[in-house]
Protein backbone atom coordinates (compact mmCIF):
# COMPACT_ATOMS: atom_id res chain seq x y z
CA MET A 1 -185.53 -91.14 93.15
CA ALA A 2 -183.20 -91.88 90.34
CA GLU A 3 -183.29 -94.77 87.90
CA ALA A 4 -180.68 -97.20 88.33
CA VAL A 5 -179.38 -98.79 84.97
CA THR A 6 -176.97 -101.55 84.31
CA GLY A 7 -173.70 -101.49 82.33
CA ALA A 8 -174.94 -103.52 79.76
CA GLN A 9 -177.51 -100.50 78.92
CA ILE A 10 -174.68 -97.67 79.63
CA ILE A 11 -172.82 -99.57 77.31
CA ALA A 12 -175.68 -99.37 74.24
CA GLU A 13 -176.57 -96.00 75.07
CA ALA A 14 -173.27 -94.69 74.90
CA LEU A 15 -173.03 -96.49 71.28
CA LYS A 16 -176.24 -94.76 70.36
CA SER A 17 -175.06 -91.48 71.75
CA GLN A 18 -172.16 -92.14 69.52
CA ASN A 19 -173.97 -92.56 66.43
CA VAL A 20 -173.42 -96.17 66.18
CA GLU A 21 -176.25 -97.97 64.25
CA TYR A 22 -174.35 -101.61 63.65
CA MET A 23 -173.74 -103.97 65.82
CA PHE A 24 -172.24 -107.85 64.68
CA GLY A 25 -171.24 -110.64 66.70
CA VAL A 26 -171.21 -113.91 68.16
CA VAL A 27 -172.97 -114.08 71.73
CA GLY A 28 -172.56 -115.80 74.98
CA VAL A 29 -171.47 -115.40 78.64
CA PRO A 30 -170.75 -112.76 79.57
CA VAL A 31 -172.10 -110.20 76.45
CA ILE A 32 -175.80 -111.07 75.77
CA GLU A 33 -177.23 -108.82 77.83
CA VAL A 34 -174.97 -106.15 75.99
CA ALA A 35 -176.43 -107.40 72.43
CA MET A 36 -179.91 -107.51 73.60
CA ALA A 37 -179.32 -103.49 75.32
CA ALA A 38 -178.31 -102.67 71.94
CA GLN A 39 -181.36 -103.61 70.00
CA ALA A 40 -183.39 -102.10 72.31
CA ALA A 41 -181.51 -98.96 72.41
CA GLY A 42 -182.11 -99.18 68.42
CA ILE A 43 -178.73 -100.47 67.13
CA LYS A 44 -179.51 -103.40 64.63
CA TYR A 45 -177.68 -106.58 65.63
CA VAL A 46 -176.39 -109.42 63.37
CA GLY A 47 -175.43 -112.34 64.84
CA MET A 48 -172.75 -114.38 62.99
CA ARG A 49 -171.45 -117.80 63.11
CA ASN A 50 -167.73 -116.84 63.54
CA GLU A 51 -165.88 -113.48 65.69
CA GLN A 52 -163.54 -113.31 62.71
CA ALA A 53 -166.18 -112.92 60.16
CA ALA A 54 -168.23 -110.64 62.45
CA CYS A 55 -165.24 -108.38 63.15
CA TYR A 56 -164.63 -108.57 59.48
CA ALA A 57 -168.35 -107.32 58.29
CA ALA A 58 -168.16 -104.59 61.19
CA SER A 59 -165.07 -103.37 59.65
CA ALA A 60 -166.32 -103.45 56.46
CA ILE A 61 -169.34 -101.05 57.92
CA GLY A 62 -167.00 -98.64 58.82
CA TYR A 63 -165.57 -98.33 55.03
CA LEU A 64 -168.27 -97.99 53.86
CA THR A 65 -170.01 -95.36 56.05
CA GLY A 66 -166.95 -93.48 57.38
CA HIS A 67 -168.71 -94.36 60.92
CA PRO A 68 -167.78 -97.56 62.90
CA ALA A 69 -169.69 -100.46 63.85
CA VAL A 70 -169.40 -102.64 66.61
CA CYS A 71 -168.01 -106.36 66.34
CA LEU A 72 -169.37 -107.83 70.06
CA VAL A 73 -167.39 -110.97 71.09
CA VAL A 74 -166.86 -112.95 74.46
CA SER A 75 -164.03 -113.44 76.64
CA GLY A 76 -160.95 -115.45 75.74
CA PRO A 77 -161.23 -117.71 72.60
CA GLY A 78 -163.60 -114.99 70.87
CA LEU A 79 -161.80 -112.40 70.97
CA ILE A 80 -159.05 -113.98 69.75
CA HIS A 81 -161.02 -115.39 66.77
CA ALA A 82 -161.48 -111.18 66.79
CA LEU A 83 -157.89 -110.27 66.24
CA GLY A 84 -158.05 -111.97 62.76
CA GLY A 85 -160.45 -108.50 61.78
CA MET A 86 -158.92 -106.17 64.17
CA ALA A 87 -155.10 -106.61 61.91
CA ASN A 88 -157.08 -106.59 58.78
CA ALA A 89 -159.01 -102.95 59.63
CA ASN A 90 -155.92 -101.70 61.05
CA MET A 91 -153.86 -102.73 57.79
CA ASN A 92 -157.02 -101.46 55.84
CA CYS A 93 -157.03 -98.28 57.66
CA TRP A 94 -160.80 -98.93 58.55
CA PRO A 95 -162.86 -97.87 61.85
CA VAL A 96 -164.04 -100.41 63.94
CA ILE A 97 -164.88 -100.84 67.66
CA VAL A 98 -164.13 -104.52 68.90
CA LEU A 99 -166.08 -105.00 72.09
CA GLY A 100 -164.65 -107.84 74.11
CA GLY A 101 -166.48 -109.50 77.36
CA SER A 102 -163.90 -110.48 79.61
CA SER A 103 -163.57 -112.55 83.07
CA ASP A 104 -164.91 -110.94 86.50
CA GLN A 105 -162.69 -108.49 88.09
CA ASN A 106 -162.44 -109.88 91.25
CA GLN A 107 -161.30 -113.10 89.81
CA GLU A 108 -158.48 -111.47 87.78
CA THR A 109 -154.95 -113.84 88.35
CA THR A 110 -157.29 -116.86 89.46
CA GLY A 111 -157.71 -118.85 86.50
CA ALA A 112 -161.37 -117.79 85.71
CA PHE A 113 -163.48 -118.86 83.03
CA GLN A 114 -161.83 -117.65 79.47
CA GLU A 115 -159.15 -115.03 81.26
CA PHE A 116 -156.70 -113.61 79.00
CA PRO A 117 -155.02 -110.35 79.01
CA GLN A 118 -157.28 -108.69 76.53
CA VAL A 119 -156.66 -105.55 76.62
CA GLU A 120 -152.47 -106.24 76.86
CA ALA A 121 -153.09 -108.15 73.48
CA CYS A 122 -155.44 -105.78 71.36
CA ARG A 123 -152.34 -103.17 71.58
CA LEU A 124 -150.62 -104.98 69.18
CA TYR A 125 -153.59 -104.73 66.68
CA SER A 126 -155.88 -101.28 67.39
CA LYS A 127 -155.21 -97.42 67.91
CA PHE A 128 -156.70 -97.67 71.35
CA SER A 129 -157.25 -100.28 73.90
CA ALA A 130 -158.79 -99.86 76.98
CA ARG A 131 -160.86 -101.14 79.98
CA PRO A 132 -163.01 -98.63 81.74
CA SER A 133 -162.48 -98.30 85.28
CA SER A 134 -166.29 -97.83 86.25
CA LEU A 135 -169.86 -98.15 85.12
CA ALA A 136 -169.72 -94.45 85.39
CA MET A 137 -166.88 -94.25 82.81
CA ILE A 138 -168.20 -96.27 80.10
CA PRO A 139 -169.47 -93.51 77.93
CA ALA A 140 -166.03 -91.61 78.31
CA VAL A 141 -164.38 -94.31 76.91
CA VAL A 142 -166.59 -95.22 74.03
CA GLU A 143 -166.43 -91.75 72.81
CA LYS A 144 -162.93 -91.75 73.40
CA ALA A 145 -163.00 -95.32 71.31
CA VAL A 146 -165.37 -93.95 68.17
CA ARG A 147 -163.30 -90.67 67.78
CA SER A 148 -160.09 -92.40 67.93
CA SER A 149 -160.86 -95.02 65.15
CA ILE A 150 -162.05 -92.35 62.61
CA TYR A 151 -159.61 -89.13 63.58
CA GLY A 152 -156.27 -89.19 61.74
CA ARG A 153 -155.59 -92.40 60.15
CA PRO A 154 -158.57 -94.57 60.56
CA GLY A 155 -158.20 -97.99 62.70
CA ALA A 156 -159.46 -100.54 65.25
CA CYS A 157 -159.88 -99.82 68.43
CA TYR A 158 -160.79 -102.07 72.16
CA ILE A 159 -163.09 -101.85 74.49
CA ASP A 160 -162.90 -104.56 77.59
CA ILE A 161 -165.93 -105.27 79.62
CA PRO A 162 -166.00 -107.19 82.58
CA GLY A 163 -168.74 -109.51 82.91
CA ASP A 164 -169.24 -108.03 86.43
CA MET A 165 -170.03 -104.61 85.18
CA VAL A 166 -172.20 -106.12 82.47
CA ASN A 167 -175.23 -106.85 84.97
CA ALA A 168 -174.05 -104.61 87.86
CA LYS A 169 -176.20 -101.28 88.13
CA VAL A 170 -175.37 -97.56 88.87
CA ASP A 171 -177.87 -94.44 89.55
CA GLN A 172 -177.99 -92.76 86.02
CA THR A 173 -177.62 -89.46 87.78
CA ASN A 174 -173.87 -90.70 88.70
CA VAL A 175 -173.37 -91.87 84.68
CA ARG A 176 -171.23 -89.37 82.65
CA PHE A 177 -172.98 -89.59 79.33
CA VAL A 178 -170.82 -87.74 76.80
CA SER A 179 -172.33 -86.12 73.63
CA CYS A 180 -171.40 -87.85 69.86
CA CYS A 181 -167.64 -86.33 69.11
CA PRO A 182 -167.40 -84.40 66.18
CA PRO A 183 -166.45 -85.66 62.37
CA PRO A 184 -162.65 -85.52 61.91
CA PRO A 185 -160.92 -82.29 61.48
CA ALA A 186 -160.35 -81.93 56.95
CA SER A 187 -157.01 -80.27 57.20
CA LEU A 188 -155.23 -78.94 54.03
CA ALA A 189 -151.76 -79.30 52.79
CA ASN A 190 -148.99 -76.26 53.13
CA SER A 191 -149.22 -73.96 50.68
CA ARG A 192 -145.74 -74.24 49.65
CA GLU A 193 -145.79 -77.81 48.96
CA ILE A 194 -149.27 -77.52 46.90
CA SER A 195 -147.11 -75.36 44.64
CA GLU A 196 -144.16 -77.35 44.50
CA ALA A 197 -146.40 -80.56 43.51
CA VAL A 198 -147.93 -78.51 40.55
CA GLY A 199 -144.50 -77.52 39.04
CA VAL A 200 -143.59 -81.44 39.67
CA LEU A 201 -146.74 -82.64 38.03
CA THR A 202 -146.60 -79.94 35.29
CA GLN A 203 -143.11 -80.62 34.39
CA ALA A 204 -143.94 -84.39 33.77
CA GLN A 205 -142.97 -85.87 30.31
CA ARG A 206 -144.67 -89.43 31.51
CA PRO A 207 -147.16 -88.78 34.66
CA LEU A 208 -149.28 -90.85 36.03
CA ILE A 209 -152.23 -90.48 38.86
CA ILE A 210 -152.63 -93.60 41.17
CA ILE A 211 -156.05 -93.85 43.43
CA GLY A 212 -155.96 -95.83 46.28
CA LYS A 213 -158.61 -96.80 48.54
CA GLY A 214 -158.15 -93.75 51.22
CA ALA A 215 -159.20 -92.10 48.11
CA ALA A 216 -162.59 -93.89 48.03
CA TYR A 217 -162.80 -94.19 51.96
CA GLY A 218 -162.28 -90.26 52.07
CA ARG A 219 -165.24 -89.78 49.38
CA ALA A 220 -162.75 -87.93 46.97
CA GLU A 221 -164.27 -88.55 43.99
CA ASN A 222 -165.51 -85.55 42.91
CA GLU A 223 -162.65 -83.54 43.36
CA ILE A 224 -160.45 -86.31 41.12
CA LYS A 225 -162.86 -86.70 38.37
CA GLU A 226 -161.98 -82.80 38.28
CA LEU A 227 -158.61 -82.98 38.77
CA VAL A 228 -158.32 -86.16 36.08
CA GLU A 229 -160.47 -84.14 33.43
CA LEU A 230 -159.05 -80.88 33.87
CA SER A 231 -155.10 -82.14 33.61
CA GLY A 232 -155.93 -84.64 31.26
CA ILE A 233 -153.51 -87.09 33.30
CA PRO A 234 -154.01 -91.00 33.10
CA PHE A 235 -154.77 -92.78 36.11
CA LEU A 236 -154.12 -96.20 37.91
CA PRO A 237 -156.67 -97.28 40.78
CA THR A 238 -155.36 -99.65 43.15
CA PRO A 239 -157.71 -102.98 43.66
CA MET A 240 -160.01 -101.06 45.79
CA GLY A 241 -159.20 -97.81 44.55
CA LYS A 242 -161.52 -99.28 41.68
CA GLY A 243 -164.87 -97.35 41.07
CA VAL A 244 -163.42 -93.78 42.54
CA LEU A 245 -163.46 -92.92 38.90
CA PRO A 246 -165.31 -95.66 36.73
CA ASP A 247 -162.62 -98.53 35.17
CA ASP A 248 -164.47 -97.80 32.13
CA HIS A 249 -163.28 -94.09 32.11
CA PRO A 250 -161.61 -92.54 29.30
CA ASN A 251 -158.43 -91.69 31.48
CA CYS A 252 -157.83 -95.12 33.58
CA VAL A 253 -155.07 -97.24 32.05
CA SER A 254 -156.17 -100.60 34.24
CA ALA A 255 -155.48 -102.44 30.90
CA ALA A 256 -151.97 -101.06 31.07
CA ARG A 257 -151.12 -101.17 35.06
CA SER A 258 -147.46 -102.79 34.31
CA ARG A 259 -146.17 -100.46 31.28
CA ALA A 260 -147.74 -97.13 33.42
CA LEU A 261 -145.45 -97.91 36.68
CA LEU A 262 -142.68 -99.25 34.98
CA GLN A 263 -142.46 -95.78 32.97
CA ALA A 264 -144.01 -92.85 34.42
CA ASP A 265 -141.44 -90.23 35.47
CA VAL A 266 -143.87 -88.90 37.74
CA VAL A 267 -146.53 -90.73 39.80
CA LEU A 268 -149.49 -88.32 41.99
CA LEU A 269 -150.41 -91.08 45.19
CA LEU A 270 -153.35 -90.20 45.99
CA GLY A 271 -154.71 -91.88 49.67
CA ALA A 272 -152.46 -94.91 48.14
CA ARG A 273 -149.13 -96.47 50.11
CA LEU A 274 -146.18 -97.45 48.69
CA ASN A 275 -146.20 -101.04 50.20
CA TRP A 276 -146.57 -104.84 48.18
CA ILE A 277 -149.61 -103.40 46.60
CA LEU A 278 -147.34 -100.69 44.66
CA HIS A 279 -144.22 -102.65 44.75
CA PHE A 280 -142.91 -100.75 47.28
CA GLY A 281 -142.14 -98.12 44.35
CA PHE A 282 -139.03 -99.84 43.63
CA PRO A 283 -137.42 -100.91 40.36
CA PRO A 284 -138.11 -103.09 38.42
CA ARG A 285 -141.31 -102.03 38.92
CA PHE A 286 -141.05 -98.11 38.87
CA SER A 287 -138.57 -96.01 36.94
CA PRO A 288 -135.32 -95.68 39.39
CA ASN A 289 -135.89 -92.31 38.82
CA VAL A 290 -139.66 -91.65 39.20
CA LYS A 291 -140.85 -88.84 41.26
CA VAL A 292 -143.70 -89.17 44.04
CA ILE A 293 -146.03 -86.58 44.74
CA GLN A 294 -147.86 -88.09 47.66
CA VAL A 295 -151.07 -87.29 49.48
CA ASP A 296 -151.60 -88.68 52.83
CA VAL A 297 -153.44 -88.22 56.09
CA CYS A 298 -150.52 -89.66 58.06
CA ALA A 299 -147.40 -87.86 58.35
CA GLU A 300 -145.41 -90.94 59.19
CA GLU A 301 -146.09 -92.80 55.29
CA LEU A 302 -144.87 -89.68 53.70
CA SER A 303 -141.73 -90.46 52.03
CA ASN A 304 -141.96 -94.58 53.11
CA ASN A 305 -139.98 -96.53 50.53
CA VAL A 306 -139.25 -93.72 48.25
CA ARG A 307 -138.14 -89.82 48.94
CA ALA A 308 -141.46 -87.57 48.29
CA ALA A 309 -141.03 -85.18 45.75
CA ALA A 310 -144.13 -83.21 46.96
CA ALA A 311 -145.42 -84.59 50.23
CA LEU A 312 -149.05 -83.27 50.55
CA LEU A 313 -149.91 -84.17 54.34
CA GLY A 314 -153.79 -83.76 54.95
CA ASP A 315 -157.17 -84.80 54.01
CA VAL A 316 -157.33 -86.07 50.36
CA ARG A 317 -160.61 -84.83 49.27
CA ALA A 318 -159.59 -81.21 50.80
CA VAL A 319 -155.63 -81.60 49.51
CA VAL A 320 -157.13 -82.75 45.54
CA GLY A 321 -159.50 -79.51 45.60
CA GLN A 322 -155.94 -77.55 46.35
CA LEU A 323 -154.37 -79.21 43.80
CA VAL A 324 -157.04 -78.33 41.11
CA GLU A 325 -157.53 -74.94 42.43
CA SER A 326 -153.71 -74.26 41.51
CA LEU A 327 -153.88 -76.13 38.16
CA LYS A 328 -156.65 -73.76 37.36
CA SER A 329 -154.72 -71.06 37.71
CA ASN A 330 -151.86 -72.18 35.82
CA ARG A 331 -153.86 -73.59 33.04
CA TRP A 332 -151.82 -76.32 32.18
CA ARG A 333 -153.45 -79.40 30.40
CA TYR A 334 -151.57 -82.77 29.68
CA GLN A 335 -152.36 -83.41 25.79
CA SER A 336 -153.75 -86.92 24.80
CA ASP A 337 -151.65 -86.72 21.30
CA THR A 338 -148.05 -87.33 23.67
CA ASP A 339 -146.05 -90.92 23.32
CA TRP A 340 -146.70 -91.83 26.74
CA TRP A 341 -150.88 -91.69 26.24
CA ILE A 342 -149.90 -93.56 22.63
CA THR A 343 -147.74 -96.13 24.35
CA LEU A 344 -150.63 -96.86 26.64
CA ARG A 345 -153.48 -97.09 24.48
CA GLU A 346 -151.32 -99.43 22.68
CA LYS A 347 -150.74 -101.73 25.23
CA MET A 348 -154.04 -101.75 26.95
CA ALA A 349 -155.25 -102.83 22.98
CA SER A 350 -152.85 -105.28 22.98
CA ASN A 351 -153.87 -106.96 26.96
CA ALA A 352 -157.90 -106.99 25.89
CA GLN A 353 -156.83 -108.69 22.50
CA ILE A 354 -155.36 -111.52 24.45
CA SER A 355 -157.95 -111.09 27.42
CA LYS A 356 -160.81 -111.64 24.74
CA ALA A 357 -158.57 -114.17 23.13
CA LEU A 358 -158.95 -116.05 26.53
CA ALA A 359 -162.39 -115.71 27.60
CA LEU A 360 -164.05 -116.63 23.88
CA ARG A 361 -162.55 -120.14 24.00
CA ALA A 362 -165.26 -122.69 23.76
CA THR A 363 -163.42 -125.35 25.53
CA LEU A 364 -164.58 -127.26 28.76
CA PRO A 365 -163.77 -126.95 31.53
CA MET A 366 -164.09 -123.11 31.34
CA ASN A 367 -161.17 -121.17 32.08
CA TYR A 368 -161.35 -117.99 34.49
CA TYR A 369 -161.35 -115.55 31.53
CA THR A 370 -164.24 -117.33 29.99
CA ALA A 371 -166.63 -117.37 33.78
CA PHE A 372 -165.60 -113.55 34.22
CA HIS A 373 -166.39 -112.20 30.49
CA HIS A 374 -169.91 -113.63 31.03
CA ILE A 375 -170.61 -112.77 34.66
CA ALA A 376 -169.36 -109.33 33.78
CA GLU A 377 -171.78 -109.25 30.50
CA LEU A 378 -174.58 -109.81 33.27
CA LEU A 379 -173.84 -107.64 36.48
CA PRO A 380 -175.54 -104.36 36.81
CA LYS A 381 -173.19 -101.84 36.96
CA ASP A 382 -174.44 -100.43 40.41
CA CYS A 383 -173.63 -103.63 42.00
CA ILE A 384 -170.87 -103.91 44.96
CA ILE A 385 -168.26 -106.96 44.02
CA VAL A 386 -166.56 -108.68 46.88
CA SER A 387 -163.69 -110.85 45.88
CA GLU A 388 -161.03 -112.78 47.29
CA GLY A 389 -159.08 -115.28 46.19
CA ALA A 390 -155.99 -115.81 44.18
CA ASN A 391 -156.21 -116.01 40.63
CA THR A 392 -159.98 -115.56 40.91
CA MET A 393 -159.05 -112.10 42.56
CA ASP A 394 -156.89 -110.97 40.42
CA ILE A 395 -157.95 -112.00 37.23
CA GLY A 396 -162.07 -110.60 38.31
CA ARG A 397 -160.11 -107.30 39.05
CA THR A 398 -159.40 -106.63 35.97
CA MET A 399 -162.19 -108.09 34.26
CA LEU A 400 -165.29 -107.00 36.62
CA LEU A 401 -165.81 -103.42 36.07
CA ASN A 402 -166.50 -100.68 38.75
CA HIS A 403 -168.41 -98.03 37.63
CA PHE A 404 -168.73 -95.99 41.53
CA PRO A 405 -167.01 -95.56 44.37
CA ARG A 406 -166.44 -98.09 47.28
CA HIS A 407 -168.19 -100.89 45.36
CA ARG A 408 -165.24 -103.08 45.52
CA LEU A 409 -164.52 -104.84 48.51
CA ASP A 410 -161.44 -107.57 48.91
CA ALA A 411 -158.54 -109.29 50.55
CA GLY A 412 -156.73 -105.36 50.55
CA THR A 413 -153.61 -104.55 52.03
CA PHE A 414 -153.65 -107.60 54.33
CA GLY A 415 -153.97 -109.99 51.58
CA THR A 416 -156.29 -111.53 54.36
CA MET A 417 -158.69 -114.58 52.95
CA GLY A 418 -161.74 -115.29 54.42
CA VAL A 419 -163.36 -111.91 54.40
CA GLY A 420 -165.54 -112.52 51.43
CA PRO A 421 -168.67 -113.36 53.26
CA GLY A 422 -168.40 -110.75 56.17
CA PHE A 423 -167.95 -108.04 53.88
CA ALA A 424 -170.87 -109.00 51.29
CA ILE A 425 -173.21 -109.17 54.86
CA ALA A 426 -172.08 -106.32 55.68
CA ALA A 427 -172.88 -104.20 52.38
CA ALA A 428 -176.48 -106.38 51.83
CA VAL A 429 -177.14 -105.33 55.49
CA LEU A 430 -176.41 -101.57 54.63
CA GLU A 431 -177.90 -101.92 51.22
CA LYS A 432 -181.26 -103.82 52.51
CA ALA A 433 -181.84 -101.11 55.31
CA GLN A 434 -181.42 -98.22 52.65
CA GLU A 435 -183.86 -100.19 50.33
CA THR A 436 -181.73 -99.53 47.19
CA GLY A 437 -181.88 -102.47 45.86
CA ARG A 438 -178.34 -102.74 44.59
CA ARG A 439 -177.21 -106.53 44.52
CA VAL A 440 -174.06 -107.35 46.39
CA VAL A 441 -172.57 -110.12 44.28
CA CYS A 442 -169.54 -112.09 46.25
CA VAL A 443 -166.88 -113.79 43.96
CA GLU A 444 -164.82 -116.33 45.31
CA GLY A 445 -162.11 -118.29 44.79
CA ASP A 446 -163.12 -122.26 46.33
CA SER A 447 -160.29 -122.13 48.93
CA ALA A 448 -161.34 -118.78 50.03
CA PHE A 449 -164.63 -119.77 50.25
CA GLY A 450 -163.91 -122.40 52.88
CA PHE A 451 -162.65 -119.89 55.18
CA SER A 452 -166.10 -118.00 56.15
CA GLY A 453 -168.20 -120.59 54.32
CA MET A 454 -170.86 -120.71 57.11
CA GLU A 455 -171.91 -117.50 57.20
CA VAL A 456 -174.38 -118.67 54.16
CA GLU A 457 -176.66 -119.92 57.11
CA THR A 458 -176.10 -115.66 58.26
CA MET A 459 -177.10 -114.54 54.95
CA CYS A 460 -180.23 -116.94 54.96
CA ARG A 461 -181.24 -116.07 58.54
CA TYR A 462 -181.18 -112.74 57.70
CA LYS A 463 -182.73 -113.30 54.11
CA LEU A 464 -179.52 -111.07 52.51
CA PRO A 465 -179.86 -111.62 49.07
CA VAL A 466 -176.31 -112.14 48.47
CA ILE A 467 -175.06 -113.65 45.26
CA ILE A 468 -172.08 -115.69 46.07
CA ILE A 469 -169.79 -117.07 43.00
CA VAL A 470 -167.63 -119.99 43.98
CA ILE A 471 -164.94 -120.28 40.90
CA ASN A 472 -164.16 -123.95 41.52
CA ASN A 473 -160.54 -124.72 40.32
CA ASN A 474 -160.14 -127.17 43.21
CA GLY A 475 -157.78 -126.15 45.16
CA ILE A 476 -155.55 -123.20 46.63
CA TYR A 477 -153.77 -121.69 43.14
CA SER A 478 -154.63 -124.82 41.34
CA GLY A 479 -156.01 -128.01 41.62
CA VAL A 480 -156.40 -131.69 39.69
CA ASP A 481 -159.41 -133.19 38.13
CA PRO A 482 -161.46 -136.20 39.65
CA GLU A 483 -159.69 -138.54 37.50
CA THR A 484 -156.22 -137.34 38.39
CA TRP A 485 -157.47 -137.76 42.34
CA LYS A 486 -158.42 -140.92 42.08
CA GLN A 487 -155.08 -142.29 40.83
CA ILE A 488 -153.17 -139.81 43.58
CA GLU A 489 -155.94 -141.72 46.34
CA LYS A 490 -154.30 -145.27 44.73
CA MET A 491 -150.98 -144.09 45.40
CA GLY A 492 -150.96 -144.65 49.35
CA ASP A 493 -151.87 -142.62 52.58
CA MET A 494 -153.04 -138.93 51.16
CA THR A 495 -151.31 -137.05 53.74
CA THR A 496 -148.47 -138.18 51.76
CA VAL A 497 -148.80 -137.72 48.44
CA ALA A 498 -151.73 -135.44 47.82
CA PRO A 499 -150.68 -131.85 46.44
CA PRO A 500 -150.68 -129.54 49.59
CA VAL A 501 -152.62 -126.88 47.29
CA THR A 502 -155.32 -129.49 45.85
CA LEU A 503 -159.30 -129.81 47.46
CA LEU A 504 -161.58 -132.43 46.79
CA PRO A 505 -162.54 -132.15 43.09
CA GLU A 506 -165.91 -131.02 42.32
CA ALA A 507 -166.93 -130.16 45.65
CA ARG A 508 -170.62 -129.43 45.86
CA TYR A 509 -170.39 -126.02 47.45
CA GLU A 510 -173.60 -124.87 46.24
CA GLN A 511 -175.47 -127.30 48.51
CA VAL A 512 -174.23 -125.72 51.75
CA MET A 513 -176.51 -122.95 50.70
CA CYS A 514 -179.22 -124.88 49.82
CA ALA A 515 -179.21 -126.54 52.87
CA PHE A 516 -180.18 -123.78 54.85
CA GLY A 517 -183.14 -122.30 52.37
CA GLY A 518 -180.94 -120.41 49.85
CA CYS A 519 -180.56 -121.61 46.28
CA GLY A 520 -177.85 -123.41 45.02
CA TYR A 521 -176.35 -123.93 41.37
CA LEU A 522 -173.79 -126.33 39.88
CA VAL A 523 -172.54 -124.64 36.88
CA ARG A 524 -170.33 -126.71 34.28
CA THR A 525 -171.12 -124.46 30.97
CA VAL A 526 -171.49 -121.24 29.54
CA GLU A 527 -174.96 -121.55 29.27
CA GLU A 528 -175.73 -122.79 32.41
CA LEU A 529 -173.93 -119.81 34.52
CA ARG A 530 -175.69 -117.27 32.17
CA SER A 531 -179.15 -118.76 33.43
CA ALA A 532 -177.88 -119.46 36.96
CA LEU A 533 -176.81 -115.70 37.09
CA GLU A 534 -180.25 -114.38 35.74
CA GLN A 535 -181.99 -116.17 37.72
CA SER A 536 -179.89 -115.58 40.78
CA LEU A 537 -180.63 -111.64 39.95
CA ARG A 538 -184.26 -111.86 39.67
CA ASP A 539 -184.43 -113.44 43.32
CA THR A 540 -184.33 -110.47 45.65
CA ALA A 541 -185.78 -112.73 48.45
CA MET A 542 -182.85 -115.15 49.41
CA PRO A 543 -179.15 -115.77 48.72
CA SER A 544 -177.60 -117.76 46.07
CA LEU A 545 -174.73 -119.51 45.51
CA LEU A 546 -173.51 -120.88 41.93
CA ASN A 547 -170.43 -123.44 41.91
CA VAL A 548 -168.72 -122.89 38.41
CA LEU A 549 -166.42 -125.60 37.79
CA ILE A 550 -163.55 -124.18 35.59
CA ASP A 551 -160.20 -126.05 34.52
CA PRO A 552 -158.05 -127.09 37.64
CA ALA A 553 -155.12 -125.76 35.30
CA ALA A 554 -156.49 -122.82 34.48
CA ASP A 555 -154.26 -119.90 35.07
CA ARG A 556 -153.55 -116.37 34.25
CA LYS A 557 -152.39 -114.57 31.00
CA GLN A 558 -148.55 -114.53 30.51
CA GLN A 559 -147.45 -111.72 33.07
CA ASP A 560 -144.73 -109.08 32.45
CA PHE A 561 -143.72 -109.67 36.14
CA PRO A 562 -144.20 -112.05 39.04
CA TRP A 563 -147.78 -111.05 40.92
CA LEU A 564 -145.85 -110.19 44.37
CA THR A 565 -142.61 -108.59 43.80
CA ARG A 566 -139.86 -109.37 46.41
CA SER A 567 -138.31 -106.74 48.66
CA ASN A 568 -134.56 -105.88 48.67
CA LEU A 569 -134.25 -104.62 52.17
């Protein structure tokens, strides 16, 4: 007699057969049994405190491993909370599978508990959104969702599971189980376009390579290293392109970013998009006559905003390999004594001096540069850095170096605040499973920490030794000191007089961590900062939180351009 299996068991076995290893979620009716079946099938389940953070965590697994994890949510509000994570994954081009429970099929249109048009809603935030037509079809839908999430441009996929499917049973012989989908095919660029690209590159007076997070996701670090060192061209990483090549590589010109973008006459774009992060490729941030050689896996992305002088459609790793072979036969190298290199080195030295002067100021409260200078001195080279906030993320990007690929996670293409704890949990779960000993350090602005701060309980529950550093300036962008706050309170109703950007001065975020059994440190001085971070790095058993109080008026050093270039479209 054939064995009967439940919908929950079929889902779990289907996910396992597609090599899904991790599931993050918040359980309730009707998906509790799905989480339990997943654990029984050998899938690691991490229970989070909010669906949004769960989806951020699952998507980070997709970026870090190249294979999707699952975000498991309940129906209605549970799924809606996860939409932010789905949108973030889609914008970042990271694979993730969202599995949502929904109201029973025989109650549709009746006003069922948490009834919502989930499949239709998720189409706006995903590459693929579907509900299996029967228990027997669940494995086929799971396989298509996993395949769709990693093929072409990666992204989010949604599977809807009605509550009455979860515990319904069917004979196992009637279920059409599907084998694991193959890895994504790696396509090469057209050879004529490769020749065109090399021709444009070798004629450049001021060439620049821009390395995006697509290159990190595509595991192209070895090929890009060979390209940079063969060609001698300066390179600039985007925020999550940092570490594809080490930030201290002699060809890295991050410290002269604005100058490099403005004066480059040819830009080779590797797995990066000309969106707001790169100022659309428009003047005044770029030369109006810049030539762009664009490498992307998505045909629709080619020539966006700036017409590509050479459009190389294909897998970034494979295409860079083609460029390397062509340059080898060409025997061309960009010399290190050109005016372009001299200009960039001078600007880098000038900017480094300004940052160093700010970092060495002995005034209290500390400024951003002082705090980051001492944090950078103590962090291990191989740590995974998660960062979010406004100035916290922007200044931290320039001062906290990355030496290895996929070792930086931040607000990304969507500029999403609240991603930090979820990303950090995902990275820590991976590092713990792989027993690497690498530390995960989550550097948060105080405003950013507020979005997902309760996930510190998740870190404590699973004993994930994440180090959270809250750079606390008492506000969004800037705040006020305690004395000024007291004066504001005397002026009347706080809802009408308190500046909208302010938060409670000197809020004791470290006590949140202590409440769940982790270690919390209140930091005001350089000595306290160094001592707390050294102790946290020694503690490999539990998470820590450093609440670093800085000057509420602290700001970035003077910038040549505003941080956000307004589009003239």
